[in-house]
Protein backbone atom coordinates (compact mmCIF):
# COMPACT_ATOMS: atom_id res chain seq x y z
CA MET A 1 17.66 37.13 12.73
CA GLU A 2 16.68 39.65 10.12
CA ILE A 3 18.37 40.60 7.10
CA HIS A 4 18.09 44.43 6.07
CA SER A 5 19.70 46.67 3.35
CA SER A 6 19.95 50.22 3.09
CA GLU A 7 20.53 52.41 -0.15
CA SER A 8 22.71 55.46 -0.16
CA ASN A 9 22.55 58.39 -2.35
CA SER A 10 25.06 56.78 -4.59
CA ASN A 11 22.53 53.57 -4.52
CA GLN A 12 25.15 51.61 -2.75
CA LYS A 13 23.38 48.92 -0.58
CA LEU A 14 24.47 48.51 2.71
CA PRO A 15 23.37 45.01 3.82
CA PHE A 16 23.48 43.77 7.55
CA ARG A 17 22.31 41.03 9.78
CA LEU A 18 20.23 42.13 12.86
CA PHE A 19 19.71 40.09 15.98
CA GLN A 20 16.91 42.02 17.99
CA GLY A 21 17.53 41.92 21.56
CA THR A 22 15.23 42.60 24.50
CA ASN A 23 17.19 45.23 26.77
CA GLU A 24 16.84 48.65 25.53
CA LYS A 25 19.37 49.95 28.25
CA ALA A 26 22.16 47.71 26.77
CA PRO A 27 24.42 48.98 24.02
CA ILE A 28 23.59 47.98 20.37
CA LEU A 29 26.76 45.65 19.50
CA VAL A 30 27.86 46.34 15.89
CA ILE A 31 30.46 43.48 15.22
CA TYR A 32 32.96 43.33 12.06
CA HIS A 33 34.47 40.20 10.82
CA GLY A 34 37.82 39.46 9.51
CA TRP A 35 39.57 39.43 6.02
CA ALA A 36 38.18 36.63 4.03
CA GLY A 37 35.54 35.97 6.81
CA SER A 38 31.70 36.04 6.77
CA ASN A 39 29.04 37.25 9.04
CA ALA A 40 28.00 33.35 9.12
CA GLY A 41 30.87 32.84 11.65
CA TYR A 42 29.60 35.04 14.08
CA TYR A 43 25.97 33.88 14.30
CA ASP A 44 26.50 31.76 17.23
CA LEU A 45 27.88 34.71 19.09
CA ALA A 46 25.38 37.03 17.91
CA GLU A 47 22.69 34.70 19.38
CA GLU A 48 24.63 34.21 22.60
CA LEU A 49 24.65 37.97 22.96
CA GLN A 50 20.84 38.35 21.93
CA GLU A 51 19.80 35.91 24.68
CA GLN A 52 21.45 38.26 27.14
CA GLY A 53 19.49 40.97 25.77
CA TYR A 54 21.75 42.76 23.41
CA THR A 55 20.67 43.63 19.94
CA VAL A 56 23.66 42.60 17.71
CA VAL A 57 24.29 44.11 14.09
CA LEU A 58 26.67 42.31 11.76
CA PRO A 59 27.45 44.58 8.91
CA ASP A 60 28.27 42.94 5.44
CA ILE A 61 31.69 44.20 4.35
CA VAL A 62 32.64 45.10 0.82
CA HIS A 63 34.00 42.05 -1.01
CA HIS A 64 32.24 39.78 1.55
CA ASP A 65 29.08 37.98 1.94
CA SER A 66 26.39 39.57 -0.17
CA ARG A 67 28.79 42.35 -1.33
CA GLY A 68 30.76 40.20 -3.69
CA THR A 69 34.11 38.11 -3.00
CA ILE A 70 37.81 38.08 -4.16
CA ASP A 71 39.08 35.04 -6.15
CA ASN A 72 41.87 34.42 -3.59
CA PHE A 73 41.79 36.47 -0.45
CA PHE A 74 45.19 35.16 0.46
CA ASP A 75 46.98 35.98 -2.71
CA GLU A 76 49.81 38.38 -1.55
CA SER A 77 49.39 40.80 -4.35
CA THR A 78 45.68 40.69 -3.92
CA ARG A 79 45.86 41.28 -0.18
CA GLN A 80 48.48 43.98 -0.52
CA GLN A 81 46.14 45.94 -3.05
CA MET A 82 42.78 45.42 -1.29
CA PHE A 83 43.00 45.34 2.17
CA TRP A 84 43.47 48.84 3.38
CA GLY A 85 40.70 49.85 0.68
CA THR A 86 38.30 47.50 2.24
CA VAL A 87 39.05 48.81 5.69
CA PHE A 88 38.65 52.45 4.68
CA GLN A 89 35.33 51.64 3.00
CA ALA A 90 33.74 49.82 5.91
CA ILE A 91 34.77 52.78 8.35
CA ASP A 92 33.43 55.25 5.69
CA GLU A 93 30.00 53.64 5.79
CA PHE A 94 29.52 53.56 9.36
CA ASP A 95 27.53 56.82 9.32
CA LYS A 96 25.14 55.23 6.42
CA LEU A 97 24.54 52.08 8.64
CA ILE A 98 23.65 54.24 11.76
CA ALA A 99 21.12 56.00 9.65
CA ASP A 100 19.61 53.02 8.37
CA LEU A 101 19.41 51.59 11.94
CA LYS A 102 17.75 54.59 12.99
CA VAL A 103 19.91 54.95 16.28
CA ASN A 104 22.31 57.25 17.98
CA LYS A 105 25.77 56.66 18.05
CA LYS A 106 25.88 57.21 21.68
CA ASP A 107 23.85 53.90 21.85
CA VAL A 108 26.53 51.71 20.07
CA LEU A 109 29.46 49.80 21.14
CA VAL A 110 31.84 48.42 18.22
CA ILE A 111 33.48 45.04 18.22
CA GLY A 112 35.92 43.68 15.60
CA SER A 113 38.00 40.69 15.22
CA SER A 114 41.25 40.85 12.87
CA MET A 115 40.29 43.18 9.98
CA GLY A 116 37.22 44.13 11.73
CA GLY A 117 39.39 45.13 14.88
CA PHE A 118 41.16 47.56 12.50
CA ILE A 119 37.48 48.93 11.29
CA ALA A 120 36.15 48.99 14.81
CA SER A 121 38.94 50.86 16.46
CA SER A 122 38.98 53.80 13.72
CA ILE A 123 35.03 54.10 13.81
CA PHE A 124 35.51 54.13 17.73
CA ALA A 125 38.30 56.87 17.49
CA LYS A 126 36.45 58.91 14.79
CA ASN A 127 33.21 58.84 16.76
CA PRO A 128 33.84 59.87 20.47
CA GLU A 129 30.17 59.41 21.36
CA ILE A 130 30.25 55.63 20.71
CA GLN A 131 30.07 53.69 24.13
CA GLY A 132 32.98 51.54 23.78
CA LEU A 133 35.49 49.15 21.61
CA VAL A 134 36.36 45.82 21.56
CA ASN A 135 39.23 44.87 19.36
CA VAL A 136 40.27 41.18 18.98
CA ASN A 137 43.48 40.22 17.31
CA GLY A 138 43.29 43.46 15.17
CA SER A 139 45.30 46.68 15.59
CA GLY A 140 44.54 50.21 16.80
CA ALA A 141 47.74 51.90 14.93
CA PHE A 142 47.53 51.51 11.35
CA VAL A 143 50.84 52.57 10.38
CA VAL A 144 52.39 50.35 13.06
CA ALA A 145 50.68 47.36 11.83
CA ASP A 146 51.54 48.36 7.95
CA GLU A 147 54.98 48.44 8.91
CA PHE A 148 54.53 44.95 10.30
CA PHE A 149 52.95 43.67 7.04
CA ARG A 150 55.71 45.18 5.09
CA ARG A 151 58.50 43.57 7.21
CA VAL A 152 56.65 40.16 6.46
CA ASP A 153 56.27 40.70 2.98
CA GLY A 154 59.72 42.04 2.19
CA ARG A 155 58.26 45.20 0.75
CA ASP A 156 59.63 48.72 0.76
CA LYS A 157 58.80 51.27 3.79
CA LEU A 158 55.74 53.44 3.30
CA SER A 159 55.96 56.38 1.06
CA GLY A 160 54.92 59.65 2.27
CA LYS A 161 51.69 59.56 0.43
CA GLU A 162 50.82 56.16 1.60
CA ARG A 163 51.66 57.24 5.18
CA ALA A 164 49.41 60.42 4.90
CA VAL A 165 46.50 58.25 3.80
CA LEU A 166 46.93 55.75 6.43
CA GLU A 167 47.15 58.55 9.17
CA THR A 168 43.74 60.03 8.18
CA TYR A 169 42.20 56.85 9.46
CA ASP A 170 44.96 55.63 12.13
CA PRO A 171 43.18 55.61 15.71
CA ILE A 172 46.13 56.88 17.20
CA ASN A 173 46.00 60.26 15.59
CA TYR A 174 42.63 60.76 17.27
CA THR A 175 41.98 61.76 20.83
CA TYR A 176 40.87 58.84 23.18
CA SER A 177 37.31 59.45 24.26
CA ARG A 178 37.97 57.73 27.76
CA LYS A 179 35.06 55.20 26.79
CA PRO A 180 35.67 51.62 28.00
CA VAL A 181 38.00 49.48 25.59
CA LEU A 182 38.97 45.90 25.72
CA LEU A 183 42.04 44.65 23.79
CA MET A 184 42.60 41.07 23.27
CA HIS A 185 45.30 39.25 21.45
CA GLY A 186 47.01 35.79 21.15
CA ASP A 187 50.68 36.05 21.95
CA SER A 188 51.33 33.50 19.18
CA ASP A 189 49.49 35.35 16.16
CA GLN A 190 51.46 34.46 13.18
CA VAL A 191 49.17 36.91 11.17
CA LEU A 192 49.49 40.19 13.04
CA ASP A 193 51.67 40.65 15.81
CA THR A 194 50.78 42.56 19.15
CA SER A 195 52.87 45.58 18.30
CA GLY A 196 49.55 47.54 17.10
CA GLN A 197 47.52 46.59 19.99
CA TYR A 198 50.36 47.74 22.24
CA ALA A 199 50.84 51.09 20.43
CA TYR A 200 47.15 51.75 20.75
CA TYR A 201 47.12 50.78 24.52
CA ALA A 202 50.15 53.07 25.14
CA HIS A 203 48.36 55.80 23.05
CA CYS A 204 45.19 55.47 25.39
CA SER A 205 47.13 55.33 28.68
CA SER A 206 43.92 54.78 30.63
CA SER A 207 42.54 52.72 33.32
CA ASP A 208 39.49 52.66 31.14
CA VAL A 209 41.57 50.22 28.66
CA THR A 210 41.77 46.52 29.28
CA PHE A 211 44.65 44.52 27.29
CA ASP A 212 44.41 40.71 27.77
CA ILE A 213 47.00 38.67 26.03
CA PHE A 214 46.22 34.94 25.55
CA ASN A 215 48.88 32.47 26.03
CA ASP A 216 49.63 30.10 23.03
CA VAL A 217 46.93 31.38 20.68
CA ASN A 218 47.53 32.00 17.15
CA HIS A 219 45.22 34.39 15.04
CA GLN A 220 42.02 32.92 16.52
CA PHE A 221 38.78 34.21 18.25
CA THR A 222 38.81 31.58 20.97
CA GLU A 223 36.14 30.33 23.38
CA ASP A 224 38.15 32.10 26.26
CA MET A 225 38.02 35.23 24.27
CA VAL A 226 34.42 35.05 23.94
CA GLU A 227 33.97 34.38 27.47
CA GLY A 228 36.17 37.32 28.05
CA LEU A 229 34.07 39.62 26.14
CA LYS A 230 30.97 38.56 27.95
CA SER A 231 32.55 38.99 31.20
CA TRP A 232 34.08 42.44 30.29
CA LEU A 233 30.50 43.76 28.84
CA ASN A 234 28.96 42.49 32.28
CA GLU A 235 31.60 44.40 34.28
CA GLN A 236 31.06 47.60 32.18
CA PHE A 237 27.43 47.68 31.65
CA GLY A 238 26.07 45.73 34.77
CA ARG A 239 23.94 42.69 34.85
CA SER A 240 20.85 44.72 34.32
CA CYS A 241 22.32 45.09 30.81
CA ILE A 242 22.70 41.56 29.80
C-alpha cells in the first residue's frame, strides 16, 4: 500500500491509499467508505482485490482519516448538518482524484458502502464513461433517501431550495449509461432502508443492473456481500481480469 496526496489550485490536499495491482486490463477500483468510517476498514478488502490483479484506490473523505474528524458523528444535529455536504464534496473532488492518479475515467469502476454508496452512485451518474458501479447499503436516489432520513428524525419535509440542491447531485436525474451496476442491501437495515436502492433500480430499468437483497442483514458489509462483489466482478470482466 502506498499513501499519496495531491494539491488542487485551492491548495486542498486530496490524500488516498493506493494498492497497486498487476493486471492492466482490469478496471481500477475506487472505493468510498461510509459516514464515520475509515479507509483502514477496507484494507483487507483492498488487499484481497489487489491479489486478484486489481488496482484499488481508497480516497480519504473530508472529515475522515487524514482530513480531520467530527467530535460525534452520530449526534443527530451534526449528522443532519454535515452528511450531505460531505457527500457533495467527495463527488465534486472526483475529477481532482482522477487527475492525480493520471488515469482515464473509462478505466475506473466506483464502489461505495453506506455514505460511500451515495458518493459512488452520483459519480457514476455524472460520468458516463466510468466502467461500472457497486453500491452497498447506500442509495442512488438522494431525494428518496433524504425523505427517509426526515421521517426517522421527525423533521419537516424538504424545502424547495433543499430539494433543488439535492437534485443537482441525485443519480436518478441523470441518464443511465448502461454500464454494469451491482446494488446490494440488507433487508433488515435500520440505518437506511432499501427505498433509495429500489428507486434507482427502477430508474435504470435494465438487465445490466443486478440488485441483491441479503436476508436478516442490518447496515453491514458482510462476508457474503464481499463474495458477491468478487463474483460479480468476475462475471462482468472475466477471469483474465482478476
